[in-house]
């Protein structure tokens, strides 16, 4: 009887273990999906009485939580999605004002004020994360992609990069 109970327990636990792993994977995928959706939907626009947007907006606590999970579990995809957001911002600045603007918020990059930039710099190693920056132009992201062409395998990122290249030629 003891052997039968052990076999019964093993039979019950095996699906649970697999189910738990699948459940965790689904949660992780939801976080990545949040980040992907944000990057695709992000569209810099004029803000009343302001000509430019210097930092991505509409970043809620759920997105910040998703970023903190995805940077560890999916660093490659996270970097791609963050790059898409920052390239969109840079492209907007080129179209709007023919120049690049500072990516810092009051000369800092932080999870609290600039989470998109914070995680981009953390994953890309373009800049060391520190307390004070004099100026980080949004063109740094474009330059980074130029030096890391493997990122262009992401179709959305490639499209934005190509559009920026064309827009830069127009304003030269």
N, C-alpha and C. Protein backbone atom coordinates (compact mmCIF):
# COMPACT_ATOMS: atom_id res chain seq x y z
N UNK A 1 0.82 -1.20 0.00
CA UNK A 1 0.00 0.00 0.00
C UNK A 1 0.86 1.26 0.00
N UNK A 2 1.97 1.22 0.70
CA UNK A 2 2.87 2.35 0.75
C UNK A 2 3.41 2.68 -0.65
N UNK A 3 3.72 1.66 -1.40
CA UNK A 3 4.22 1.85 -2.76
C UNK A 3 3.14 2.46 -3.66
N UNK A 4 1.93 2.03 -3.48
CA UNK A 4 0.81 2.56 -4.28
C UNK A 4 0.61 4.04 -3.97
N UNK A 5 0.70 4.44 -2.71
CA UNK A 5 0.56 5.86 -2.33
C UNK A 5 1.68 6.70 -2.96
N UNK A 6 2.88 6.19 -2.95
CA UNK A 6 4.01 6.91 -3.55
C UNK A 6 3.82 7.09 -5.05
N UNK A 7 3.41 6.05 -5.71
CA UNK A 7 3.17 6.13 -7.16
C UNK A 7 2.06 7.13 -7.44
N UNK A 8 1.01 7.08 -6.63
CA UNK A 8 -0.11 8.00 -6.80
C UNK A 8 0.35 9.45 -6.63
N UNK A 9 1.17 9.71 -5.61
CA UNK A 9 1.70 11.06 -5.39
C UNK A 9 2.56 11.52 -6.56
N UNK A 10 3.41 10.66 -7.05
CA UNK A 10 4.27 11.01 -8.19
C UNK A 10 3.43 11.34 -9.41
N UNK A 11 2.41 10.54 -9.66
CA UNK A 11 1.53 10.78 -10.81
C UNK A 11 0.83 12.12 -10.66
N UNK A 12 0.44 12.48 -9.44
CA UNK A 12 -0.22 13.77 -9.21
C UNK A 12 0.74 14.94 -9.34
N UNK A 13 1.98 14.78 -8.89
CA UNK A 13 2.94 15.88 -8.88
C UNK A 13 3.53 16.18 -10.24
N UNK A 14 3.70 15.20 -11.08
CA UNK A 14 4.33 15.42 -12.38
C UNK A 14 3.57 16.46 -13.21
N UNK A 15 2.26 16.35 -13.37
CA UNK A 15 1.56 17.39 -14.13
C UNK A 15 1.62 18.75 -13.45
N UNK A 16 1.62 18.79 -12.14
CA UNK A 16 1.68 20.06 -11.41
C UNK A 16 3.00 20.77 -11.68
N UNK A 17 4.09 20.01 -11.67
CA UNK A 17 5.39 20.61 -11.93
C UNK A 17 5.42 21.19 -13.33
N UNK A 18 4.99 20.44 -14.30
CA UNK A 18 4.94 20.94 -15.67
C UNK A 18 3.98 22.10 -15.81
N UNK A 19 2.84 22.01 -15.12
CA UNK A 19 1.85 23.09 -15.18
C UNK A 19 2.37 24.37 -14.56
N UNK A 20 3.10 24.24 -13.45
CA UNK A 20 3.65 25.42 -12.79
C UNK A 20 4.66 26.11 -13.69
N UNK A 21 5.50 25.32 -14.36
CA UNK A 21 6.48 25.91 -15.27
C UNK A 21 5.78 26.60 -16.42
N UNK A 22 4.76 26.00 -16.96
CA UNK A 22 4.02 26.62 -18.05
C UNK A 22 3.37 27.90 -17.57
N UNK A 23 2.79 27.87 -16.37
CA UNK A 23 2.15 29.04 -15.81
C UNK A 23 3.14 30.19 -15.67
N UNK A 24 4.36 29.93 -15.14
CA UNK A 24 5.37 30.97 -15.02
C UNK A 24 5.79 31.49 -16.38
N UNK A 25 5.90 30.62 -17.36
CA UNK A 25 6.27 31.04 -18.71
C UNK A 25 5.23 31.98 -19.29
N UNK A 26 3.97 31.70 -19.06
CA UNK A 26 2.90 32.55 -19.56
C UNK A 26 3.00 33.94 -18.95
N UNK A 27 3.26 34.02 -17.64
CA UNK A 27 3.40 35.32 -16.98
C UNK A 27 4.58 36.08 -17.58
N UNK A 28 5.71 35.39 -17.78
CA UNK A 28 6.86 36.04 -18.37
C UNK A 28 6.55 36.54 -19.78
N UNK A 29 5.86 35.73 -20.55
CA UNK A 29 5.49 36.15 -21.89
C UNK A 29 4.55 37.34 -21.88
N UNK A 30 3.67 37.43 -20.89
CA UNK A 30 2.79 38.58 -20.76
C UNK A 30 3.60 39.85 -20.51
N UNK A 31 4.65 39.76 -19.71
CA UNK A 31 5.51 40.91 -19.47
C UNK A 31 6.21 41.35 -20.75
N UNK A 32 6.72 40.39 -21.49
CA UNK A 32 7.38 40.71 -22.75
C UNK A 32 6.37 41.30 -23.73
N UNK A 33 5.17 40.76 -23.72
CA UNK A 33 4.11 41.26 -24.61
C UNK A 33 3.75 42.71 -24.26
N UNK A 34 3.72 43.05 -22.98
CA UNK A 34 3.45 44.44 -22.55
C UNK A 34 4.51 45.37 -23.12
N UNK A 35 5.75 44.95 -22.99
CA UNK A 35 6.85 45.78 -23.49
C UNK A 35 6.79 45.90 -25.01
N UNK A 36 6.52 44.80 -25.69
CA UNK A 36 6.41 44.82 -27.15
C UNK A 36 5.28 45.75 -27.58
N UNK A 37 4.13 45.63 -26.95
CA UNK A 37 2.98 46.48 -27.30
C UNK A 37 3.29 47.95 -27.07
N UNK A 38 3.95 48.25 -25.96
CA UNK A 38 4.32 49.64 -25.70
C UNK A 38 5.23 50.16 -26.80
N UNK A 39 6.21 49.37 -27.19
CA UNK A 39 7.17 49.83 -28.21
C UNK A 39 6.49 50.03 -29.56
N UNK A 40 5.57 49.16 -29.89
CA UNK A 40 4.88 49.29 -31.18
C UNK A 40 3.90 50.47 -31.17
N UNK A 41 3.20 50.65 -30.07
CA UNK A 41 2.19 51.71 -29.99
C UNK A 41 2.80 53.08 -29.69
N UNK A 42 4.01 53.11 -29.16
CA UNK A 42 4.61 54.39 -28.79
C UNK A 42 4.70 55.29 -30.01
N UNK A 43 4.15 56.48 -29.85
CA UNK A 43 4.17 57.45 -30.93
C UNK A 43 4.35 58.85 -30.34
N UNK A 44 5.54 59.40 -30.47
CA UNK A 44 5.75 60.75 -29.93
C UNK A 44 4.81 61.73 -30.63
N UNK A 45 4.24 62.61 -29.87
CA UNK A 45 3.32 63.60 -30.42
C UNK A 45 3.57 64.93 -29.74
N UNK A 46 3.05 65.97 -30.39
CA UNK A 46 3.14 67.28 -29.77
C UNK A 46 2.36 67.28 -28.47
N UNK A 47 2.91 67.93 -27.47
CA UNK A 47 2.19 68.17 -26.22
C UNK A 47 1.84 69.65 -26.22
N UNK A 48 0.66 69.96 -25.77
CA UNK A 48 0.21 71.35 -25.77
C UNK A 48 1.28 72.25 -25.17
N UNK A 49 1.59 73.33 -25.87
CA UNK A 49 2.58 74.34 -25.48
C UNK A 49 4.02 73.83 -25.47
N UNK A 50 4.24 72.64 -25.98
CA UNK A 50 5.61 72.13 -26.09
C UNK A 50 5.82 71.67 -27.52
N UNK A 51 7.01 71.84 -28.01
CA UNK A 51 7.29 71.45 -29.39
C UNK A 51 7.82 70.03 -29.50
N UNK A 52 8.50 69.57 -28.48
CA UNK A 52 9.12 68.25 -28.56
C UNK A 52 8.80 67.42 -27.33
N UNK A 53 8.99 66.15 -27.48
CA UNK A 53 8.95 65.23 -26.35
C UNK A 53 10.38 64.72 -26.21
N UNK A 54 10.93 64.90 -25.04
CA UNK A 54 12.31 64.48 -24.85
C UNK A 54 12.43 63.14 -24.17
N UNK A 55 11.35 62.66 -23.60
CA UNK A 55 11.40 61.36 -22.95
C UNK A 55 10.09 60.62 -23.18
N UNK A 56 10.13 59.31 -23.36
CA UNK A 56 8.89 58.56 -23.55
C UNK A 56 7.93 58.75 -22.37
N UNK A 57 6.65 58.80 -22.69
CA UNK A 57 5.64 59.06 -21.69
C UNK A 57 4.72 57.86 -21.51
N UNK A 58 3.74 58.00 -20.64
CA UNK A 58 2.75 56.96 -20.35
C UNK A 58 3.38 55.65 -19.89
N UNK A 59 4.32 55.76 -18.99
CA UNK A 59 4.98 54.57 -18.46
C UNK A 59 4.40 54.32 -17.06
N UNK A 60 3.63 53.27 -16.95
CA UNK A 60 3.00 52.96 -15.67
C UNK A 60 3.82 51.94 -14.89
N UNK A 61 3.38 51.68 -13.67
CA UNK A 61 4.11 50.74 -12.80
C UNK A 61 4.16 49.34 -13.38
N UNK A 62 3.12 48.93 -14.08
CA UNK A 62 3.10 47.60 -14.69
C UNK A 62 4.18 47.46 -15.76
N UNK A 63 4.38 48.51 -16.54
CA UNK A 63 5.42 48.48 -17.56
C UNK A 63 6.81 48.46 -16.91
N UNK A 64 6.99 49.22 -15.86
CA UNK A 64 8.27 49.23 -15.16
C UNK A 64 8.55 47.85 -14.58
N UNK A 65 7.52 47.21 -14.01
CA UNK A 65 7.68 45.85 -13.49
C UNK A 65 8.04 44.90 -14.63
N UNK A 66 7.36 45.03 -15.76
CA UNK A 66 7.64 44.17 -16.92
C UNK A 66 9.09 44.37 -17.39
N UNK A 67 9.55 45.61 -17.39
CA UNK A 67 10.93 45.90 -17.78
C UNK A 67 11.92 45.21 -16.86
N UNK A 68 11.65 45.27 -15.57
CA UNK A 68 12.59 44.67 -14.61
C UNK A 68 12.66 43.15 -14.76
N UNK A 69 11.56 42.54 -15.16
CA UNK A 69 11.56 41.09 -15.38
C UNK A 69 12.19 40.76 -16.73
N UNK A 70 11.79 41.49 -17.75
CA UNK A 70 12.26 41.19 -19.11
C UNK A 70 13.75 41.44 -19.32
N UNK A 71 14.30 42.43 -18.63
CA UNK A 71 15.74 42.70 -18.80
C UNK A 71 16.58 41.50 -18.38
N UNK A 72 16.05 40.71 -17.45
CA UNK A 72 16.77 39.52 -16.99
C UNK A 72 16.42 38.30 -17.84
N UNK A 73 15.14 38.08 -18.09
CA UNK A 73 14.68 36.88 -18.79
C UNK A 73 14.85 36.97 -20.30
N UNK A 74 14.67 38.17 -20.85
CA UNK A 74 14.70 38.36 -22.31
C UNK A 74 15.54 39.59 -22.67
N UNK A 75 16.82 39.62 -22.35
CA UNK A 75 17.61 40.83 -22.58
C UNK A 75 17.67 41.26 -24.05
N UNK A 76 17.76 40.32 -24.96
CA UNK A 76 17.86 40.65 -26.38
C UNK A 76 16.59 41.34 -26.88
N UNK A 77 15.44 40.73 -26.59
CA UNK A 77 14.17 41.31 -27.04
C UNK A 77 13.90 42.63 -26.32
N UNK A 78 14.23 42.69 -25.04
CA UNK A 78 14.01 43.92 -24.28
C UNK A 78 14.82 45.06 -24.89
N UNK A 79 16.07 44.80 -25.21
CA UNK A 79 16.90 45.82 -25.84
C UNK A 79 16.30 46.25 -27.18
N UNK A 80 15.82 45.31 -27.95
CA UNK A 80 15.21 45.65 -29.24
C UNK A 80 13.99 46.56 -29.06
N UNK A 81 13.11 46.21 -28.12
CA UNK A 81 11.89 47.02 -27.92
C UNK A 81 12.21 48.40 -27.37
N UNK A 82 13.18 48.49 -26.48
CA UNK A 82 13.58 49.80 -25.97
C UNK A 82 14.22 50.64 -27.07
N UNK A 83 14.99 50.00 -27.91
CA UNK A 83 15.62 50.70 -29.02
C UNK A 83 14.56 51.23 -29.98
N UNK A 84 13.53 50.46 -30.22
CA UNK A 84 12.43 50.92 -31.08
C UNK A 84 11.82 52.21 -30.52
N UNK A 85 11.54 52.21 -29.23
CA UNK A 85 10.94 53.40 -28.60
C UNK A 85 11.85 54.61 -28.76
N UNK A 86 13.11 54.44 -28.45
CA UNK A 86 14.04 55.57 -28.49
C UNK A 86 14.34 56.01 -29.92
N UNK A 87 14.34 55.09 -30.86
CA UNK A 87 14.50 55.48 -32.27
C UNK A 87 13.28 56.26 -32.76
N UNK A 88 12.11 55.85 -32.33
CA UNK A 88 10.89 56.60 -32.70
C UNK A 88 10.97 58.03 -32.16
N UNK A 89 11.45 58.14 -30.95
CA UNK A 89 11.62 59.46 -30.35
C UNK A 89 12.62 60.30 -31.15
N UNK A 90 13.73 59.72 -31.47
CA UNK A 90 14.76 60.43 -32.25
C UNK A 90 14.22 60.82 -33.63
N UNK A 91 13.52 59.92 -34.27
CA UNK A 91 12.95 60.23 -35.59
C UNK A 91 11.97 61.40 -35.49
N UNK A 92 11.17 61.40 -34.47
CA UNK A 92 10.22 62.49 -34.25
C UNK A 92 10.97 63.81 -34.09
N UNK A 93 12.04 63.80 -33.33
CA UNK A 93 12.82 65.02 -33.10
C UNK A 93 13.46 65.52 -34.40
N UNK A 94 13.90 64.60 -35.23
CA UNK A 94 14.47 65.00 -36.52
C UNK A 94 13.40 65.64 -37.40
N UNK A 95 12.25 65.01 -37.48
CA UNK A 95 11.17 65.53 -38.31
C UNK A 95 10.65 66.87 -37.78
N UNK A 96 10.52 66.93 -36.50
CA UNK A 96 9.98 68.13 -35.86
C UNK A 96 10.96 69.29 -35.89
N UNK A 97 12.17 69.04 -35.47
CA UNK A 97 13.07 70.14 -35.14
C UNK A 97 14.47 70.02 -35.77
N UNK A 98 14.67 68.98 -36.56
CA UNK A 98 15.94 68.78 -37.28
C UNK A 98 17.14 68.62 -36.36
N UNK A 99 16.91 68.07 -35.19
CA UNK A 99 18.02 67.85 -34.27
C UNK A 99 17.66 66.81 -33.22
N UNK A 100 18.67 66.43 -32.49
CA UNK A 100 18.56 65.46 -31.42
C UNK A 100 18.43 66.21 -30.10
N UNK A 101 17.70 65.61 -29.15
CA UNK A 101 17.55 66.23 -27.84
C UNK A 101 18.09 65.31 -26.76
N UNK A 102 18.26 65.89 -25.59
CA UNK A 102 18.81 65.18 -24.44
C UNK A 102 17.85 64.10 -23.96
N UNK A 103 18.39 62.90 -23.70
CA UNK A 103 17.58 61.79 -23.19
C UNK A 103 17.48 61.78 -21.67
N UNK A 104 18.25 62.64 -21.01
CA UNK A 104 18.21 62.64 -19.55
C UNK A 104 17.02 63.46 -19.06
N UNK A 105 16.71 63.26 -17.81
CA UNK A 105 15.71 64.08 -17.13
C UNK A 105 16.46 64.80 -16.02
N UNK A 106 16.61 66.11 -16.22
CA UNK A 106 17.38 66.92 -15.26
C UNK A 106 18.77 66.33 -15.03
N UNK A 107 19.38 65.95 -16.12
CA UNK A 107 20.75 65.43 -16.13
C UNK A 107 20.91 64.07 -15.43
N UNK A 108 19.84 63.30 -15.36
CA UNK A 108 19.97 61.97 -14.78
C UNK A 108 19.20 60.95 -15.59
N UNK A 109 19.65 59.72 -15.46
CA UNK A 109 18.96 58.56 -16.02
C UNK A 109 18.62 57.68 -14.81
N UNK A 110 17.33 57.42 -14.60
CA UNK A 110 16.94 56.62 -13.44
C UNK A 110 15.70 55.80 -13.75
N UNK A 111 15.50 54.77 -12.97
CA UNK A 111 14.29 53.95 -13.12
C UNK A 111 13.05 54.80 -12.87
N UNK A 112 13.12 55.69 -11.92
CA UNK A 112 11.97 56.50 -11.53
C UNK A 112 11.57 57.50 -12.62
N UNK A 113 12.53 58.20 -13.20
CA UNK A 113 12.22 59.29 -14.13
C UNK A 113 12.37 58.92 -15.61
N UNK A 114 13.27 58.02 -15.90
CA UNK A 114 13.55 57.66 -17.29
C UNK A 114 13.77 56.15 -17.42
N UNK A 115 12.77 55.35 -17.12
CA UNK A 115 12.98 53.89 -17.13
C UNK A 115 13.36 53.32 -18.49
N UNK A 116 12.81 53.87 -19.56
CA UNK A 116 13.15 53.36 -20.90
C UNK A 116 14.64 53.58 -21.16
N UNK A 117 15.11 54.78 -20.91
CA UNK A 117 16.52 55.08 -21.11
C UNK A 117 17.40 54.29 -20.15
N UNK A 118 16.97 54.19 -18.90
CA UNK A 118 17.74 53.46 -17.91
C UNK A 118 18.01 52.03 -18.37
N UNK A 119 16.96 51.32 -18.74
CA UNK A 119 17.14 49.93 -19.14
C UNK A 119 17.85 49.82 -20.49
N UNK A 120 17.65 50.78 -21.38
CA UNK A 120 18.39 50.76 -22.64
C UNK A 120 19.89 50.85 -22.37
N UNK A 121 20.31 51.81 -21.56
CA UNK A 121 21.73 51.98 -21.29
C UNK A 121 22.29 50.82 -20.48
N UNK A 122 21.47 50.26 -19.62
CA UNK A 122 21.92 49.11 -18.83
C UNK A 122 22.17 47.90 -19.73
N UNK A 123 21.30 47.66 -20.68
CA UNK A 123 21.44 46.49 -21.56
C UNK A 123 22.42 46.70 -22.71
N UNK A 124 22.54 47.92 -23.17
CA UNK A 124 23.39 48.20 -24.34
C UNK A 124 24.83 48.54 -23.96
N UNK A 125 25.03 48.96 -22.76
CA UNK A 125 26.34 49.40 -22.28
C UNK A 125 26.85 50.63 -23.04
N UNK A 126 25.95 51.38 -23.64
CA UNK A 126 26.35 52.61 -24.34
C UNK A 126 26.91 53.61 -23.33
N UNK A 127 26.22 53.73 -22.23
CA UNK A 127 26.65 54.63 -21.16
C UNK A 127 26.63 53.88 -19.84
N UNK A 128 27.57 54.20 -19.01
CA UNK A 128 27.58 53.66 -17.66
C UNK A 128 26.45 54.33 -16.88
N UNK A 129 25.72 53.56 -16.10
CA UNK A 129 24.66 54.13 -15.29
C UNK A 129 25.30 54.85 -14.10
N UNK A 130 25.09 56.14 -14.04
CA UNK A 130 25.64 56.94 -12.95
C UNK A 130 24.63 58.02 -12.58
N UNK A 131 24.96 58.82 -11.61
CA UNK A 131 24.00 59.79 -11.10
C UNK A 131 23.85 61.04 -11.96
N UNK A 132 24.89 61.47 -12.63
CA UNK A 132 24.82 62.73 -13.35
C UNK A 132 25.39 62.59 -14.76
N UNK A 133 24.68 63.16 -15.71
CA UNK A 133 25.12 63.23 -17.10
C UNK A 133 25.00 64.66 -17.55
N UNK A 134 25.99 65.10 -18.27
CA UNK A 134 25.91 66.45 -18.82
C UNK A 134 24.84 66.52 -19.91
N UNK A 135 24.91 65.55 -20.84
CA UNK A 135 23.99 65.55 -21.98
C UNK A 135 24.13 64.21 -22.70
N UNK A 136 23.02 63.58 -23.00
CA UNK A 136 23.04 62.37 -23.82
C UNK A 136 22.04 62.58 -24.96
N UNK A 137 22.53 62.83 -26.16
CA UNK A 137 21.61 63.08 -27.28
C UNK A 137 20.88 61.80 -27.71
N UNK A 138 19.68 61.96 -28.18
CA UNK A 138 18.91 60.80 -28.64
C UNK A 138 19.58 60.14 -29.85
N UNK A 139 20.43 60.86 -30.53
CA UNK A 139 21.17 60.30 -31.66
C UNK A 139 22.11 59.16 -31.23
N UNK A 140 22.43 59.08 -29.94
CA UNK A 140 23.27 57.99 -29.43
C UNK A 140 22.65 56.62 -29.72
N UNK A 141 21.34 56.56 -29.70
CA UNK A 141 20.64 55.29 -29.94
C UNK A 141 20.82 54.89 -31.40
N UNK A 142 20.66 55.85 -32.30
CA UNK A 142 20.86 55.60 -33.73
C UNK A 142 22.30 55.15 -33.98
N UNK A 143 23.22 55.83 -33.37
CA UNK A 143 24.64 55.47 -33.49
C UNK A 143 24.89 54.05 -32.99
N UNK A 144 24.26 53.71 -31.87
CA UNK A 144 24.41 52.37 -31.32
C UNK A 144 23.93 51.31 -32.31
N UNK A 145 22.78 51.54 -32.92
CA UNK A 145 22.26 50.59 -33.91
C UNK A 145 23.20 50.50 -35.11
N UNK A 146 23.74 51.63 -35.53
CA UNK A 146 24.70 51.65 -36.65
C UNK A 146 25.91 50.77 -36.36
N UNK A 147 26.29 50.70 -35.11
CA UNK A 147 27.45 49.90 -34.70
C UNK A 147 27.08 48.47 -34.33
N UNK A 148 25.80 48.19 -34.19
CA UNK A 148 25.32 46.85 -33.81
C UNK A 148 24.21 46.43 -34.78
N UNK A 149 24.61 46.18 -35.99
CA UNK A 149 23.67 45.89 -37.08
C UNK A 149 22.79 44.66 -36.84
N UNK A 150 23.21 43.79 -35.95
CA UNK A 150 22.40 42.60 -35.66
C UNK A 150 21.01 42.99 -35.16
N UNK A 151 20.89 44.16 -34.57
CA UNK A 151 19.58 44.62 -34.11
C UNK A 151 18.60 44.82 -35.27
N UNK A 152 19.14 45.04 -36.45
CA UNK A 152 18.29 45.28 -37.62
C UNK A 152 17.56 44.03 -38.09
N UNK A 153 17.83 42.90 -37.45
CA UNK A 153 17.06 41.70 -37.78
C UNK A 153 15.61 41.82 -37.28
N UNK A 154 15.39 42.74 -36.34
CA UNK A 154 14.03 43.04 -35.89
C UNK A 154 13.41 43.96 -36.95
N UNK A 155 12.35 43.51 -37.59
CA UNK A 155 11.75 44.22 -38.72
C UNK A 155 11.29 45.63 -38.36
N UNK A 156 10.62 45.76 -37.24
CA UNK A 156 10.13 47.08 -36.80
C UNK A 156 11.30 48.04 -36.57
N UNK A 157 12.31 47.55 -35.90
CA UNK A 157 13.50 48.35 -35.63
C UNK A 157 14.19 48.74 -36.93
N UNK A 158 14.32 47.80 -37.83
CA UNK A 158 14.93 48.05 -39.13
C UNK A 158 14.16 49.13 -39.90
N UNK A 159 12.84 49.05 -39.88
CA UNK A 159 12.02 50.04 -40.59
C UNK A 159 12.24 51.45 -40.04
N UNK A 160 12.27 51.57 -38.74
CA UNK A 160 12.48 52.89 -38.13
C UNK A 160 13.88 53.40 -38.42
N UNK A 161 14.86 52.53 -38.30
CA UNK A 161 16.25 52.90 -38.58
C UNK A 161 16.38 53.40 -40.03
N UNK A 162 15.77 52.69 -40.96
CA UNK A 162 15.81 53.08 -42.37
C UNK A 162 15.13 54.43 -42.58
N UNK A 163 14.01 54.63 -41.93
CA UNK A 163 13.29 55.90 -42.04
C UNK A 163 14.14 57.05 -41.50
N UNK A 164 14.80 56.83 -40.38
CA UNK A 164 15.68 57.87 -39.82
C UNK A 164 16.81 58.20 -40.78
N UNK A 165 17.40 57.17 -41.36
CA UNK A 165 18.49 57.38 -42.32
C UNK A 165 18.02 58.26 -43.47
N UNK A 166 16.85 58.00 -44.00
CA UNK A 166 16.28 58.82 -45.08
C UNK A 166 16.01 60.24 -44.61
N UNK A 167 15.46 60.37 -43.42
CA UNK A 167 15.15 61.71 -42.90
C UNK A 167 16.41 62.52 -42.61
N UNK A 168 17.44 61.87 -42.18
CA UNK A 168 18.71 62.58 -41.94
C UNK A 168 19.30 63.09 -43.26
N UNK A 169 19.16 62.31 -44.32
CA UNK A 169 19.65 62.74 -45.64
C UNK A 169 18.86 63.94 -46.15
N UNK A 170 17.59 63.98 -45.86
CA UNK A 170 16.73 65.10 -46.29
C UNK A 170 17.14 66.41 -45.64
N UNK A 171 17.58 66.36 -44.40
CA UNK A 171 17.89 67.62 -43.69
C UNK A 171 19.35 68.03 -43.83
N UNK A 172 20.17 67.21 -44.47
CA UNK A 172 21.60 67.59 -44.66
C UNK A 172 21.74 68.71 -45.64
